[in-house]
Protein backbone atom coordinates (compact mmCIF):
# COMPACT_ATOMS: atom_id res chain seq x y z
CA UNK A 1 -0.07 0.20 -0.21
CA UNK A 2 1.09 3.01 -0.56
CA UNK A 3 0.86 6.34 1.75
CA UNK A 4 -1.77 8.75 0.52
CA UNK A 5 -3.48 5.34 0.89
CA UNK A 6 -2.58 5.21 4.25
CA UNK A 7 -3.04 8.31 4.74
CA UNK A 8 -6.38 8.53 3.20
CA UNK A 9 -7.51 5.20 5.60
CA UNK A 10 -6.19 7.45 8.92
CA UNK A 11 -7.98 10.52 7.87
CA UNK A 12 -10.96 8.06 7.76
CA UNK A 13 -11.01 6.99 10.59
CA UNK A 14 -9.93 9.73 12.48
CA UNK A 15 -13.26 11.13 10.86
CA UNK A 16 -15.55 7.62 12.32
CA UNK A 17 -13.67 8.56 15.24
CA UNK A 18 -14.87 12.22 15.54
CA UNK A 19 -18.28 11.25 14.90
CA UNK A 20 -18.69 8.65 16.82
CA UNK A 21 -17.17 11.13 19.85
CA UNK A 22 -19.43 13.88 18.72
CA UNK A 23 -22.10 10.80 19.04
CA UNK A 24 -20.90 9.43 22.55
CA UNK A 25 -21.54 13.75 23.79
CA UNK A 26 -24.44 14.01 22.49
CA UNK A 27 -26.49 10.76 23.43
CA UNK A 28 -24.85 11.22 27.29
CA UNK A 29 -26.44 15.20 27.25
CA UNK A 30 -29.61 14.57 25.93
CA UNK A 31 -29.57 12.11 28.71
CA UNK A 32 -28.48 14.24 31.18
CA UNK A 33 -31.14 16.99 29.45
CA UNK A 34 -33.92 14.26 29.63
CA UNK A 35 -33.05 13.67 33.74
CA UNK A 36 -33.21 17.37 34.34
CA UNK A 37 -36.40 17.16 33.01
CA UNK A 38 -37.92 14.08 34.32
CA UNK A 39 -36.27 15.80 38.18
CA UNK A 40 -38.32 19.03 37.36
CA UNK A 41 -41.08 17.05 37.03
CA UNK A 42 -40.84 14.92 39.78
CA UNK A 43 -40.60 18.08 41.27
CA UNK A 44 -43.21 20.22 40.29
CA UNK A 45 -46.10 17.46 41.02
CA UNK A 46 -44.34 17.48 44.59
CA UNK A 47 -45.02 21.03 45.18
CA UNK A 48 -48.59 21.12 43.12
CA UNK A 49 -48.84 18.19 46.03
CA UNK A 50 -48.05 20.34 48.56
CA UNK A 51 -50.28 22.55 47.82
CA UNK A 52 -53.11 20.87 47.00
CA UNK A 53 -52.46 19.38 51.38
CA UNK A 54 -51.55 22.82 52.65
CA UNK A 55 -55.52 24.20 50.27
CA UNK A 56 -57.21 21.08 51.73
CA UNK A 57 -55.62 21.58 55.87
CA UNK A 58 -56.47 25.17 55.54
CA UNK A 59 -60.05 24.53 54.57
CA UNK A 60 -60.09 22.22 57.22
CA UNK A 61 -59.38 24.50 59.72
CA UNK A 62 -61.70 26.65 58.83
CA UNK A 63 -64.20 24.27 58.72
CA UNK A 64 -63.35 23.22 62.49
CA UNK A 65 -62.98 27.14 63.46
CA UNK A 66 -67.41 26.98 62.06
CA UNK A 67 -67.85 25.01 63.61
CA UNK A 68 -67.09 26.48 66.99
CA UNK A 69 -68.36 29.34 66.31
CA UNK A 70 -72.06 27.84 65.04
CA UNK A 71 -71.65 26.19 68.36
CA UNK A 72 -70.59 29.73 70.64
CA UNK A 73 -74.12 31.27 68.78
CA UNK A 74 -76.42 28.80 69.81
CA UNK A 75 -75.40 28.43 72.73
CA UNK A 76 -76.60 32.51 73.02
CA UNK A 77 -79.60 32.05 71.20
CA UNK A 78 -79.74 30.02 73.84
CA UNK A 79 -79.68 32.03 76.43
CA UNK A 80 -81.48 34.85 74.98
CA UNK A 81 -84.79 32.80 73.99
CA UNK A 82 -84.13 31.27 77.93
CA UNK A 83 -84.02 35.72 79.07
CA UNK A 84 -86.78 36.29 75.76
CA UNK A 85 -89.68 34.36 76.84
CA UNK A 86 -92.24 33.53 79.21
CA UNK A 87 -90.88 31.63 82.26
CA UNK A 88 -93.59 29.28 84.00
CA UNK A 89 -96.91 27.59 82.58
CA UNK A 90 -96.03 25.66 79.09
CA UNK A 91 -94.60 28.20 77.62
CA UNK A 92 -92.40 28.54 79.90
CA UNK A 93 -91.51 24.78 80.23
CA UNK A 94 -91.32 24.76 76.76
CA UNK A 95 -89.02 27.67 76.52
CA UNK A 96 -86.72 26.30 79.27
CA UNK A 97 -86.14 23.42 76.64
CA UNK A 98 -85.73 24.24 74.03
CA UNK A 99 -82.98 27.09 75.74
CA UNK A 100 -81.40 23.73 77.52
CA UNK A 101 -81.24 22.01 73.49
CA UNK A 102 -79.47 24.87 72.53
CA UNK A 103 -76.80 25.81 74.70
CA UNK A 104 -76.32 21.85 74.44
CA UNK A 105 -75.98 21.36 71.42
CA UNK A 106 -73.43 24.41 71.41
CA UNK A 107 -71.42 23.22 73.24
CA UNK A 108 -71.63 20.05 71.80
CA UNK A 109 -70.24 22.58 69.11
CA UNK A 110 -67.91 24.82 70.47
CA UNK A 111 -66.42 21.70 72.03
CA UNK A 112 -66.30 18.68 69.75
CA UNK A 113 -65.57 20.00 66.40
CA UNK A 114 -66.15 18.45 63.05
CA UNK A 115 -63.62 16.20 64.26
CA UNK A 116 -65.32 15.02 67.34
CA UNK A 117 -68.69 14.26 65.00
CA UNK A 118 -67.66 12.00 63.35
CA UNK A 119 -65.66 10.36 65.89
CA UNK A 120 -69.35 9.98 67.50
CA UNK A 121 -71.08 8.80 64.33
CA UNK A 122 -69.24 5.82 63.98
CA UNK A 123 -69.54 4.76 67.63
CA UNK A 124 -73.50 5.13 67.89
CA UNK A 125 -73.05 3.27 64.46
CA UNK A 126 -70.56 0.75 65.43
CA UNK A 127 -72.74 -0.16 68.22
CA UNK A 128 -76.43 0.20 66.82
CA UNK A 129 -75.87 -1.25 63.14
CA UNK A 130 -78.74 -2.21 62.58
CA UNK A 131 -81.64 1.20 63.52
CA UNK A 132 -78.42 2.78 61.60
CA UNK A 133 -79.04 0.28 58.52
CA UNK A 134 -82.88 0.83 58.22
CA UNK A 135 -82.32 4.96 58.69
CA UNK A 136 -79.89 4.57 55.82
CA UNK A 137 -82.85 2.81 53.34
CA UNK A 138 -85.44 5.26 55.01
CA UNK A 139 -83.39 8.01 54.51
CA UNK A 140 -82.90 6.50 51.07
CA UNK A 141 -86.47 5.40 50.37
CA UNK A 142 -87.46 9.39 51.11
CA UNK A 143 -84.66 10.98 48.90
CA UNK A 144 -85.51 8.62 46.54
CA UNK A 145 -89.69 9.74 46.39
CA UNK A 146 -88.46 13.31 46.58
CA UNK A 147 -85.95 13.31 43.37
CA UNK A 148 -89.17 11.59 41.44
CA UNK A 149 -92.24 13.49 42.40
């Protein structure tokens, strides 16, 4: 072989090696870019999840506060009913019972909030499953009948 042919083969091999290096470098850059995009998407999803959790927590706290506020208002209403209503006779007895019920309900809401109410309802259903089931069926029947009209 002559030197010109050998030189051309060497140049061709050199070009092939450069092309492989460029291709390899491009593939590495593409992998890095894909990894960065994956990390960015993961980070964004985590951020959205945290934001949603914070919003739900804030709404839950506001609902708890609202229930406590309703309880306080019920107690106040019970006191007003007791003050303004008749104090003797049948109406006095009815007024006293309504005022007492409003005050007790208000205290319950103020102390238990939504979580306590849910726990109490769960315990009530656990201890009385058949009446709870019958109540649910009756309520469903009444709702279906109302919706049909």
